[in-house]
Amino acid sequence: MASVVLSEAEKLYIVHGVQEDLRVDGRGCEDYRCAEVETDVVSNTSGSARVKLGETDILVGIKAEMGTPKLEKPHEGYLEFFIDCSSNSPELEGRGGEELGTDIANTLYRVFSCENSVDLKSLCINPREHCWVLYVDVLLLECGGNIFDAISIAVKAALFNTRIPKVRVLEDEEGTKEIELSDDPYDCIRLNVDEVPCIVTLSKIGYRHVVDATLQEEACSLASLLISVTSKGAITSMKKVGKGSLDPESIFEMMETGQRVGKSLHIALQKILDEEESLGTSRPKVGFLG
């Protein structure tokens, strides 16, 4: 992962500020940086979104294609995640970018393994034969800290924007089945993203923890906790990262903070998505490929 080199004096300044609930950029320990969210930014996808969280810049495109249901889940479609770490950071070139991409993909698979996160049964066309497969492509344009949270926000926004064509299964007298796609672009399936979790990363700095850490703050943290939280505050998965250790009391405090901050994050994100949706095609496109 991209990182910065800080002197001991700079680290001490950041750590002491966090203990006083005053970070270098003026935020409190539970405050996110200003986020920019824009959907429908890539034309040749079923759904897309771009999220800028501070200096972190993420682009997500989702493509719906027909496939065959998995043997263990014949009545469901499924999601596939692909991560491209094309950030301009030298540390993300070659093997470093591949390892980070694999780590992000595995985290997303784990987050979306929760049964109710996405209604996969609505993606089934014909049990055991045909289903929709959602290929989620994540492009890391810029790494400015807290990439897991930014990616989860972008994925949820892109899923909200995704439109899947409605299909009909026709069967002739011989029992041969044919699939007919609707030609009407407005005759489509929209996914319910109410239960889609967002990741809240809590970084332990000194005796306290912060959300939405910058690269400088990540350099001062030896351990972080990634918590996926639903809009109702339910924790669906947790993952500890970093070389340092976390005591049980700290973990419980971080879980409580994650639930509280996660609920607020979902409310703010859904408000933005609903406002953008209400503007329809008349909204000005100001972001990527606008």
C-alpha atoms as a PDB file:
ATOM      1  CA  MET A   1       0.000   0.000   0.000  1.00  0.00           C
ATOM      2  CA  ALA A   2       1.186   3.526  -0.704  1.00  0.00           C
ATOM      3  CA  SER A   3       2.880   5.176   2.285  1.00  0.00           C
ATOM      4  CA  VAL A   4       4.795   8.288   3.238  1.00  0.00           C
ATOM      5  CA  VAL A   5       8.023   8.722   5.208  1.00  0.00           C
ATOM      6  CA  LEU A   6       7.684  10.869   8.323  1.00  0.00           C
ATOM      7  CA  SER A   7      10.271  12.032  10.823  1.00  0.00           C
ATOM      8  CA  GLU A   8       9.889  11.125  14.491  1.00  0.00           C
ATOM      9  CA  ALA A   9       8.934  14.744  15.262  1.00  0.00           C
ATOM     10  CA  GLU A  10       6.147  14.672  12.651  1.00  0.00           C
ATOM     11  CA  LYS A  11       4.802  11.373  14.004  1.00  0.00           C
ATOM     12  CA  LEU A  12       4.882  12.745  17.553  1.00  0.00           C
ATOM     13  CA  TYR A  13       2.956  15.842  16.422  1.00  0.00           C
ATOM     14  CA  ILE A  14       0.243  13.708  14.777  1.00  0.00           C
ATOM     15  CA  VAL A  15      -0.030  11.279  17.711  1.00  0.00           C
ATOM     16  CA  HIS A  16      -0.288  14.058  20.317  1.00  0.00           C
ATOM     17  CA  GLY A  17      -2.940  15.818  18.214  1.00  0.00           C
ATOM     18  CA  VAL A  18      -5.047  12.659  17.995  1.00  0.00           C
ATOM     19  CA  GLN A  19      -4.940  12.251  21.780  1.00  0.00           C
ATOM     20  CA  GLU A  20      -6.515  15.739  22.020  1.00  0.00           C
ATOM     21  CA  ASP A  21      -9.155  14.892  19.364  1.00  0.00           C
ATOM     22  CA  LEU A  22      -7.557  17.380  16.983  1.00  0.00           C
ATOM     23  CA  ARG A  23      -6.057  16.061  13.785  1.00  0.00           C
ATOM     24  CA  VAL A  24      -3.629  17.850  11.489  1.00  0.00           C
ATOM     25  CA  ASP A  25      -6.364  18.808   9.010  1.00  0.00           C
ATOM     26  CA  GLY A  26      -8.675  20.076  11.777  1.00  0.00           C
ATOM     27  CA  ARG A  27     -10.984  17.070  11.935  1.00  0.00           C
ATOM     28  CA  GLY A  28     -12.066  15.220  15.044  1.00  0.00           C
ATOM     29  CA  CYS A  29     -11.281  11.518  15.499  1.00  0.00           C
ATOM     30  CA  GLU A  30     -14.668  10.407  14.118  1.00  0.00           C
ATOM     31  CA  ASP A  31     -14.862  12.814  11.151  1.00  0.00           C
ATOM     32  CA  TYR A  32     -14.545  11.860   7.490  1.00  0.00           C
ATOM     33  CA  ARG A  33     -12.927  14.081   4.914  1.00  0.00           C
ATOM     34  CA  CYS A  34     -15.174  15.749   2.354  1.00  0.00           C
ATOM     35  CA  ALA A  35     -16.316  13.120  -0.168  1.00  0.00           C
ATOM     36  CA  GLU A  36     -17.408  13.662  -3.770  1.00  0.00           C
ATOM     37  CA  VAL A  37     -19.728  11.007  -5.195  1.00  0.00           C
ATOM     38  CA  GLU A  38     -20.906  10.851  -8.803  1.00  0.00           C
ATOM     39  CA  THR A  39     -22.751   8.011 -10.540  1.00  0.00           C
ATOM     40  CA  ASP A  40     -23.289   7.063 -14.184  1.00  0.00           C
ATOM     41  CA  VAL A  41     -19.858   8.324 -15.215  1.00  0.00           C
ATOM     42  CA  VAL A  42     -18.871   5.561 -17.698  1.00  0.00           C
ATOM     43  CA  SER A  43     -21.220   5.087 -20.631  1.00  0.00           C
ATOM     44  CA  ASN A  44     -20.507   1.472 -21.654  1.00  0.00           C
ATOM     45  CA  THR A  45     -21.338  -0.063 -18.272  1.00  0.00           C
ATOM     46  CA  SER A  46     -24.504  -1.237 -16.523  1.00  0.00           C
ATOM     47  CA  GLY A  47     -23.642   1.036 -13.592  1.00  0.00           C
ATOM     48  CA  SER A  48     -20.700   3.156 -12.509  1.00  0.00           C
ATOM     49  CA  ALA A  49     -19.544   5.595  -9.850  1.00  0.00           C
ATOM     50  CA  ARG A  50     -16.576   7.756  -8.980  1.00  0.00           C
ATOM     51  CA  VAL A  51     -15.693   8.644  -5.394  1.00  0.00           C
ATOM     52  CA  LYS A  52     -13.086  11.144  -4.238  1.00  0.00           C
ATOM     53  CA  LEU A  53     -12.347  10.961  -0.519  1.00  0.00           C
ATOM     54  CA  GLY A  54      -9.703  13.559   0.226  1.00  0.00           C
ATOM     55  CA  GLU A  55      -6.884  12.688  -2.160  1.00  0.00           C
ATOM     56  CA  THR A  56      -8.109   9.121  -2.679  1.00  0.00           C
ATOM     57  CA  ASP A  57      -9.810   8.709  -6.064  1.00  0.00           C
ATOM     58  CA  ILE A  58     -11.772   5.554  -6.992  1.00  0.00           C
ATOM     59  CA  LEU A  59     -13.642   4.634 -10.180  1.00  0.00           C
ATOM     60  CA  VAL A  60     -15.982   1.623 -10.241  1.00  0.00           C
ATOM     61  CA  GLY A  61     -17.724   0.169 -13.292  1.00  0.00           C
ATOM     62  CA  ILE A  62     -20.207  -2.717 -13.212  1.00  0.00           C
ATOM     63  CA  LYS A  63     -21.014  -4.844 -16.246  1.00  0.00           C
ATOM     64  CA  ALA A  64     -23.952  -7.273 -16.186  1.00  0.00           C
ATOM     65  CA  GLU A  65     -23.447 -10.342 -18.373  1.00  0.00           C
ATOM     66  CA  MET A  66     -25.257 -13.650 -18.653  1.00  0.00           C
ATOM     67  CA  GLY A  67     -23.619 -16.667 -17.141  1.00  0.00           C
ATOM     68  CA  THR A  68     -24.316 -20.021 -15.542  1.00  0.00           C
ATOM     69  CA  PRO A  69     -25.255 -20.210 -11.844  1.00  0.00           C
ATOM     70  CA  LYS A  70     -22.766 -21.816  -9.488  1.00  0.00           C
ATOM     71  CA  LEU A  71     -23.475 -25.471  -8.678  1.00  0.00           C
ATOM     72  CA  GLU A  72     -23.840 -24.803  -4.947  1.00  0.00           C
ATOM     73  CA  LYS A  73     -26.270 -21.897  -5.572  1.00  0.00           C
ATOM     74  CA  PRO A  74     -28.318 -22.792  -8.665  1.00  0.00           C
ATOM     75  CA  HIS A  75     -31.035 -20.201  -7.959  1.00  0.00           C
ATOM     76  CA  GLU A  76     -28.736 -17.175  -7.640  1.00  0.00           C
ATOM     77  CA  GLY A  77     -26.522 -14.906  -9.681  1.00  0.00           C
ATOM     78  CA  TYR A  78     -23.187 -13.717  -8.317  1.00  0.00           C
ATOM     79  CA  LEU A  79     -20.624 -10.916  -8.237  1.00  0.00           C
ATOM     80  CA  GLU A  80     -17.025 -10.975  -9.453  1.00  0.00           C
ATOM     81  CA  PHE A  81     -14.506  -8.349  -8.334  1.00  0.00           C
ATOM     82  CA  PHE A  82     -11.493  -7.144 -10.330  1.00  0.00           C
ATOM     83  CA  ILE A  83      -9.089  -4.556  -8.900  1.00  0.00           C
ATOM     84  CA  ASP A  84      -6.680  -2.427 -10.930  1.00  0.00           C
ATOM     85  CA  CYS A  85      -4.181  -0.446  -8.841  1.00  0.00           C
ATOM     86  CA  SER A  86      -3.137   2.110 -11.450  1.00  0.00           C
ATOM     87  CA  SER A  87      -2.290   4.759  -8.887  1.00  0.00           C
ATOM     88  CA  ASN A  88       0.685   6.975  -9.685  1.00  0.00           C
ATOM     89  CA  SER A  89       2.446   5.736  -6.559  1.00  0.00           C
ATOM     90  CA  PRO A  90       5.663   3.808  -7.430  1.00  0.00           C
ATOM     91  CA  GLU A  91       4.908   1.368  -4.586  1.00  0.00           C
ATOM     92  CA  LEU A  92       1.777   0.181  -6.394  1.00  0.00           C
ATOM     93  CA  GLU A  93       3.638  -0.815  -9.540  1.00  0.00           C
ATOM     94  CA  GLY A  94       4.256  -4.482 -10.268  1.00  0.00           C
ATOM     95  CA  ARG A  95       3.984  -6.977  -7.410  1.00  0.00           C
ATOM     96  CA  GLY A  96       3.041  -4.333  -4.835  1.00  0.00           C
ATOM     97  CA  GLY A  97      -0.066  -3.376  -6.826  1.00  0.00           C
ATOM     98  CA  GLU A  98      -0.963  -7.031  -7.458  1.00  0.00           C
ATOM     99  CA  GLU A  99      -0.805  -7.903  -3.755  1.00  0.00           C
ATOM    100  CA  LEU A 100      -2.908  -4.881  -2.792  1.00  0.00           C
ATOM    101  CA  GLY A 101      -5.419  -5.700  -5.550  1.00  0.00           C
ATOM    102  CA  THR A 102      -5.747  -9.275  -4.318  1.00  0.00           C
ATOM    103  CA  ASP A 103      -6.179  -8.079  -0.720  1.00  0.00           C
ATOM    104  CA  ILE A 104      -8.919  -5.613  -1.735  1.00  0.00           C
ATOM    105  CA  ALA A 105     -10.738  -8.236  -3.841  1.00  0.00           C
ATOM    106  CA  ASN A 106     -10.647 -10.799  -1.014  1.00  0.00           C
ATOM    107  CA  THR A 107     -11.979  -8.176   1.409  1.00  0.00           C
ATOM    108  CA  LEU A 108     -14.859  -7.302  -0.936  1.00  0.00           C
ATOM    109  CA  TYR A 109     -15.732 -10.992  -1.434  1.00  0.00           C
ATOM    110  CA  ARG A 110     -15.832 -11.375   2.330  1.00  0.00           C
ATOM    111  CA  VAL A 111     -17.996  -8.258   2.801  1.00  0.00           C
ATOM    112  CA  PHE A 112     -20.480  -9.375   0.133  1.00  0.00           C
ATOM    113  CA  SER A 113     -20.574 -12.975   1.336  1.00  0.00           C
ATOM    114  CA  CYS A 114     -23.240 -11.854   3.805  1.00  0.00           C
ATOM    115  CA  GLU A 115     -26.498 -13.454   2.649  1.00  0.00           C
ATOM    116  CA  ASN A 116     -28.614 -10.280   2.625  1.00  0.00           C
ATOM    117  CA  SER A 117     -26.103  -7.762   1.258  1.00  0.00           C
ATOM    118  CA  VAL A 118     -27.393  -8.099  -2.323  1.00  0.00           C
ATOM    119  CA  ASP A 119     -30.499  -9.998  -3.444  1.00  0.00           C
ATOM    120  CA  LEU A 120     -28.683 -12.531  -5.617  1.00  0.00           C
ATOM    121  CA  LYS A 121     -31.896 -14.464  -6.281  1.00  0.00           C
ATOM    122  CA  SER A 122     -33.201 -11.515  -8.302  1.00  0.00           C
ATOM    123  CA  LEU A 123     -30.231 -12.086 -10.650  1.00  0.00           C
ATOM    124  CA  CYS A 124     -31.382 -15.614 -11.499  1.00  0.00           C
ATOM    125  CA  ILE A 125     -32.993 -15.933 -14.946  1.00  0.00           C
ATOM    126  CA  ASN A 126     -33.436 -19.679 -15.280  1.00  0.00           C
ATOM    127  CA  PRO A 127     -32.416 -21.885 -12.319  1.00  0.00           C
ATOM    128  CA  ARG A 128     -29.293 -23.989 -12.982  1.00  0.00           C
ATOM    129  CA  GLU A 129     -29.018 -22.611 -16.532  1.00  0.00           C
ATOM    130  CA  HIS A 130     -28.858 -18.823 -16.775  1.00  0.00           C
ATOM    131  CA  CYS A 131     -28.208 -15.945 -14.395  1.00  0.00           C
ATOM    132  CA  TRP A 132     -26.801 -12.447 -14.369  1.00  0.00           C
ATOM    133  CA  VAL A 133     -23.160 -12.109 -13.344  1.00  0.00           C
ATOM    134  CA  LEU A 134     -22.128  -8.655 -12.143  1.00  0.00           C
ATOM    135  CA  TYR A 135     -18.491  -7.951 -12.985  1.00  0.00           C
ATOM    136  CA  VAL A 136     -17.346  -5.183 -10.623  1.00  0.00           C
ATOM    137  CA  ASP A 137     -14.203  -3.445 -11.896  1.00  0.00           C
ATOM    138  CA  VAL A 138     -12.478  -1.189  -9.367  1.00  0.00           C
ATOM    139  CA  LEU A 139      -9.839   1.265 -10.598  1.00  0.00           C
ATOM    140  CA  LEU A 140      -7.634   2.947  -8.009  1.00  0.00           C
ATOM    141  CA  LEU A 141      -6.773   6.278  -9.637  1.00  0.00           C
ATOM    142  CA  GLU A 142      -5.148   7.976  -6.663  1.00  0.00           C
ATOM    143  CA  CYS A 143      -4.171   6.700  -3.228  1.00  0.00           C
ATOM    144  CA  GLY A 144      -4.475   9.265  -0.451  1.00  0.00           C
ATOM    145  CA  GLY A 145      -5.257   6.993   2.481  1.00  0.00           C
ATOM    146  CA  ASN A 146      -8.302   4.981   3.583  1.00  0.00           C
ATOM    147  CA  ILE A 147      -8.812   3.206   0.271  1.00  0.00           C
ATOM    148  CA  PHE A 148     -11.034   0.405   1.649  1.00  0.00           C
ATOM    149  CA  ASP A 149     -13.720   2.831   2.822  1.00  0.00           C
ATOM    150  CA  ALA A 150     -13.615   4.788  -0.438  1.00  0.00           C
ATOM    151  CA  ILE A 151     -13.879   1.611  -2.518  1.00  0.00           C
ATOM    152  CA  SER A 152     -16.839   0.293  -0.518  1.00  0.00           C
ATOM    153  CA  ILE A 153     -18.650   3.636  -0.948  1.00  0.00           C
ATOM    154  CA  ALA A 154     -17.951   3.591  -4.695  1.00  0.00           C
ATOM    155  CA  VAL A 155     -19.146  -0.024  -5.049  1.00  0.00           C
ATOM    156  CA  LYS A 156     -22.413   0.728  -3.239  1.00  0.00           C
ATOM    157  CA  ALA A 157     -22.984   3.831  -5.375  1.00  0.00           C
ATOM    158  CA  ALA A 158     -22.289   1.864  -8.566  1.00  0.00           C
ATOM    159  CA  LEU A 159     -24.667  -0.937  -7.515  1.00  0.00           C
ATOM    160  CA  PHE A 160     -27.342   1.707  -6.831  1.00  0.00           C
ATOM    161  CA  ASN A 161     -26.765   3.033 -10.364  1.00  0.00           C
ATOM    162  CA  THR A 162     -26.809  -0.419 -12.007  1.00  0.00           C
ATOM    163  CA  ARG A 163     -29.601  -1.189 -14.448  1.00  0.00           C
ATOM    164  CA  ILE A 164     -30.059  -4.769 -15.641  1.00  0.00           C
ATOM    165  CA  PRO A 165     -32.278  -5.466 -18.700  1.00  0.00           C
ATOM    166  CA  LYS A 166     -35.434  -7.444 -18.014  1.00  0.00           C
ATOM    167  CA  VAL A 167     -35.577 -10.818 -19.754  1.00  0.00           C
ATOM    168  CA  ARG A 168     -38.254 -13.329 -20.637  1.00  0.00           C
ATOM    169  CA  VAL A 169     -37.716 -17.077 -20.920  1.00  0.00           C
ATOM    170  CA  LEU A 170     -39.690 -18.454 -23.886  1.00  0.00           C
ATOM    171  CA  GLU A 171     -40.267 -22.166 -24.327  1.00  0.00           C
ATOM    172  CA  ASP A 172     -41.408 -23.742 -27.610  1.00  0.00           C
ATOM    173  CA  GLU A 173     -43.398 -26.963 -28.107  1.00  0.00           C
ATOM    174  CA  GLU A 174     -40.246 -29.085 -28.059  1.00  0.00           C
ATOM    175  CA  GLY A 175     -39.217 -27.689 -24.695  1.00  0.00           C
ATOM    176  CA  THR A 176     -36.351 -25.596 -26.062  1.00  0.00           C
ATOM    177  CA  LYS A 177     -35.873 -22.425 -24.042  1.00  0.00           C
ATOM    178  CA  GLU A 178     -34.943 -19.068 -25.510  1.00  0.00           C
ATOM    179  CA  ILE A 179     -34.100 -15.865 -23.706  1.00  0.00           C
ATOM    180  CA  GLU A 180     -35.517 -12.590 -24.947  1.00  0.00           C
ATOM    181  CA  LEU A 181     -34.059  -9.286 -23.740  1.00  0.00           C
ATOM    182  CA  SER A 182     -36.177  -6.172 -23.498  1.00  0.00           C
ATOM    183  CA  ASP A 183     -35.258  -3.442 -26.005  1.00  0.00           C
ATOM    184  CA  ASP A 184     -36.612  -0.692 -23.760  1.00  0.00           C
ATOM    185  CA  PRO A 185     -33.690   0.884 -21.799  1.00  0.00           C
ATOM    186  CA  TYR A 186     -36.135   1.898 -19.051  1.00  0.00           C
ATOM    187  CA  ASP A 187     -37.515  -1.646 -18.724  1.00  0.00           C
ATOM    188  CA  CYS A 188     -34.856  -2.831 -16.297  1.00  0.00           C
ATOM    189  CA  ILE A 189     -34.148  -4.308 -12.876  1.00  0.00           C
ATOM    190  CA  ARG A 190     -32.739  -2.065 -10.128  1.00  0.00           C
ATOM    191  CA  LEU A 191     -30.870  -3.572  -7.227  1.00  0.00           C
ATOM    192  CA  ASN A 192     -31.919  -2.923  -3.650  1.00  0.00           C
ATOM    193  CA  VAL A 193     -28.786  -1.608  -1.924  1.00  0.00           C
ATOM    194  CA  ASP A 194     -30.348  -0.958   1.498  1.00  0.00           C
ATOM    195  CA  GLU A 195     -28.423  -3.869   3.049  1.00  0.00           C
ATOM    196  CA  VAL A 196     -25.156  -3.346   1.148  1.00  0.00           C
ATOM    197  CA  PRO A 197     -22.462  -2.752   3.809  1.00  0.00           C
ATOM    198  CA  CYS A 198     -19.881   0.016   3.806  1.00  0.00           C
ATOM    199  CA  ILE A 199     -16.425  -0.490   5.246  1.00  0.00           C
ATOM    200  CA  VAL A 200     -15.326   1.707   8.141  1.00  0.00           C
ATOM    201  CA  THR A 201     -11.589   1.564   8.825  1.00  0.00           C
ATOM    202  CA  LEU A 202     -10.513   2.513  12.347  1.00  0.00           C
ATOM    203  CA  SER A 203      -6.807   3.161  12.793  1.00  0.00           C
ATOM    204  CA  LYS A 204      -5.269   2.936  16.271  1.00  0.00           C
ATOM    205  CA  ILE A 205      -2.970   5.897  16.910  1.00  0.00           C
ATOM    206  CA  GLY A 206      -1.534   6.121  20.398  1.00  0.00           C
ATOM    207  CA  TYR A 207      -4.341   5.395  22.866  1.00  0.00           C
ATOM    208  CA  ARG A 208      -7.138   6.499  20.533  1.00  0.00           C
ATOM    209  CA  HIS A 209      -8.507   5.491  17.151  1.00  0.00           C
ATOM    210  CA  VAL A 210      -9.499   7.570  14.125  1.00  0.00           C
ATOM    211  CA  VAL A 211     -11.673   7.021  11.065  1.00  0.00           C
ATOM    212  CA  ASP A 212     -10.702   7.954   7.503  1.00  0.00           C
ATOM    213  CA  ALA A 213      -6.971   8.146   8.174  1.00  0.00           C
ATOM    214  CA  THR A 214      -4.736  10.061   5.775  1.00  0.00           C
ATOM    215  CA  LEU A 215      -1.471   8.566   4.498  1.00  0.00           C
ATOM    216  CA  GLN A 216       0.394  10.489   7.199  1.00  0.00           C
ATOM    217  CA  GLU A 217      -1.893   9.114   9.920  1.00  0.00           C
ATOM    218  CA  GLU A 218      -1.621   5.572   8.516  1.00  0.00           C
ATOM    219  CA  ALA A 219       2.153   5.887   8.877  1.00  0.00           C
ATOM    220  CA  CYS A 220       1.619   6.527  12.623  1.00  0.00           C
ATOM    221  CA  SER A 221      -0.724   3.551  13.090  1.00  0.00           C
ATOM    222  CA  LEU A 222       0.528   0.035  13.777  1.00  0.00           C
ATOM    223  CA  ALA A 223      -2.897  -1.649  13.674  1.00  0.00           C
ATOM    224  CA  SER A 224      -6.282  -0.980  12.087  1.00  0.00           C
ATOM    225  CA  LEU A 225      -9.684  -2.644  12.190  1.00  0.00           C
ATOM    226  CA  LEU A 226     -11.811  -2.912   9.045  1.00  0.00           C
ATOM    227  CA  ILE A 227     -15.492  -3.214   9.924  1.00  0.00           C
ATOM    228  CA  SER A 228     -18.281  -3.671   7.371  1.00  0.00           C
ATOM    229  CA  VAL A 229     -21.458  -2.029   8.642  1.00  0.00           C
ATOM    230  CA  THR A 230     -24.999  -2.008   7.212  1.00  0.00           C
ATOM    231  CA  SER A 231     -27.294   1.019   7.179  1.00  0.00           C
ATOM    232  CA  LYS A 232     -28.939  -0.325  10.361  1.00  0.00           C
ATOM    233  CA  GLY A 233     -25.627  -0.498  12.193  1.00  0.00           C
ATOM    234  CA  ALA A 234     -25.207  -4.273  11.987  1.00  0.00           C
ATOM    235  CA  ILE A 235     -21.609  -5.496  11.718  1.00  0.00           C
ATOM    236  CA  THR A 236     -21.273  -8.159   9.014  1.00  0.00           C
ATOM    237  CA  SER A 237     -17.506  -8.740   9.040  1.00  0.00           C
ATOM    238  CA  MET A 238     -14.268  -7.576  10.665  1.00  0.00           C
ATOM    239  CA  LYS A 239     -10.641  -7.737   9.661  1.00  0.00           C
ATOM    240  CA  LYS A 240      -7.547  -6.626  11.549  1.00  0.00           C
ATOM    241  CA  VAL A 241      -4.655  -5.253   9.487  1.00  0.00           C
ATOM    242  CA  GLY A 242      -1.203  -4.035  10.427  1.00  0.00           C
ATOM    243  CA  LYS A 243       1.667  -5.471  12.424  1.00  0.00           C
ATOM    244  CA  GLY A 244       0.589  -4.128  15.804  1.00  0.00           C
ATOM    245  CA  SER A 245      -1.782  -5.687  18.309  1.00  0.00           C
ATOM    246  CA  LEU A 246      -5.201  -4.616  19.625  1.00  0.00           C
ATOM    247  CA  ASP A 247      -6.411  -5.358  23.130  1.00  0.00           C
ATOM    248  CA  PRO A 248     -10.025  -6.554  23.618  1.00  0.00           C
ATOM    249  CA  GLU A 249     -11.151  -3.271  25.174  1.00  0.00           C
ATOM    250  CA  SER A 250      -9.868  -1.305  22.185  1.00  0.00           C
ATOM    251  CA  ILE A 251     -11.597  -3.693  19.785  1.00  0.00           C
ATOM    252  CA  PHE A 252     -14.969  -3.239  21.499  1.00  0.00           C
ATOM    253  CA  GLU A 253     -14.553   0.553  21.505  1.00  0.00           C
ATOM    254  CA  MET A 254     -13.633   0.493  17.799  1.00  0.00           C
ATOM    255  CA  MET A 255     -16.661  -1.684  17.023  1.00  0.00           C
ATOM    256  CA  GLU A 256     -18.970   0.783  18.758  1.00  0.00           C
ATOM    257  CA  THR A 257     -17.403   3.692  16.897  1.00  0.00           C
ATOM    258  CA  GLY A 258     -17.639   1.769  13.613  1.00  0.00           C
ATOM    259  CA  GLN A 259     -21.347   1.123  14.094  1.00  0.00           C
ATOM    260  CA  ARG A 260     -22.055   4.748  14.970  1.00  0.00           C
ATOM    261  CA  VAL A 261     -19.971   6.238  12.163  1.00  0.00           C
ATOM    262  CA  GLY A 262     -21.148   3.601   9.667  1.00  0.00           C
ATOM    263  CA  LYS A 263     -24.820   4.477  10.173  1.00  0.00           C
ATOM    264  CA  SER A 264     -24.080   8.165   9.614  1.00  0.00           C
ATOM    265  CA  LEU A 265     -22.034   7.305   6.513  1.00  0.00           C
ATOM    266  CA  HIS A 266     -24.919   5.307   5.002  1.00  0.00           C
ATOM    267  CA  ILE A 267     -27.419   8.115   5.663  1.00  0.00           C
ATOM    268  CA  ALA A 268     -25.185  10.734   4.022  1.00  0.00           C
ATOM    269  CA  LEU A 269     -24.421   8.489   1.021  1.00  0.00           C
ATOM    270  CA  GLN A 270     -28.060   7.540   0.427  1.00  0.00           C
ATOM    271  CA  LYS A 271     -29.070  11.209   0.581  1.00  0.00           C
ATOM    272  CA  ILE A 272     -26.546  12.069  -2.133  1.00  0.00           C
ATOM    273  CA  LEU A 273     -27.631   9.136  -4.323  1.00  0.00           C
ATOM    274  CA  ASP A 274     -31.329  10.006  -3.984  1.00  0.00           C
ATOM    275  CA  GLU A 275     -30.697  13.663  -4.793  1.00  0.00           C
ATOM    276  CA  GLU A 276     -28.672  12.741  -7.882  1.00  0.00           C
ATOM    277  CA  GLU A 277     -31.337  10.241  -8.964  1.00  0.00           C
ATOM    278  CA  SER A 278     -34.090  12.877  -8.673  1.00  0.00           C
ATOM    279  CA  LEU A 279     -32.262  15.138 -11.141  1.00  0.00           C
ATOM    280  CA  GLY A 280     -32.509  12.481 -13.861  1.00  0.00           C
ATOM    281  CA  THR A 281     -30.770  13.148 -17.180  1.00  0.00           C
ATOM    282  CA  SER A 282     -30.828  16.904 -16.559  1.00  0.00           C
ATOM    283  CA  ARG A 283     -28.080  16.771 -13.934  1.00  0.00           C
ATOM    284  CA  PRO A 284     -24.739  18.290 -14.985  1.00  0.00           C
ATOM    285  CA  LYS A 285     -21.863  15.833 -15.170  1.00  0.00           C
ATOM    286  CA  VAL A 286     -18.817  17.364 -13.548  1.00  0.00           C
ATOM    287  CA  GLY A 287     -16.632  14.367 -12.890  1.00  0.00           C
ATOM    288  CA  PHE A 288     -14.754  11.667 -14.776  1.00  0.00           C
ATOM    289  CA  LEU A 289     -15.491  11.565 -18.530  1.00  0.00           C
ATOM    290  CA  GLY A 290     -18.157  14.250 -17.994  1.00  0.00           C
END
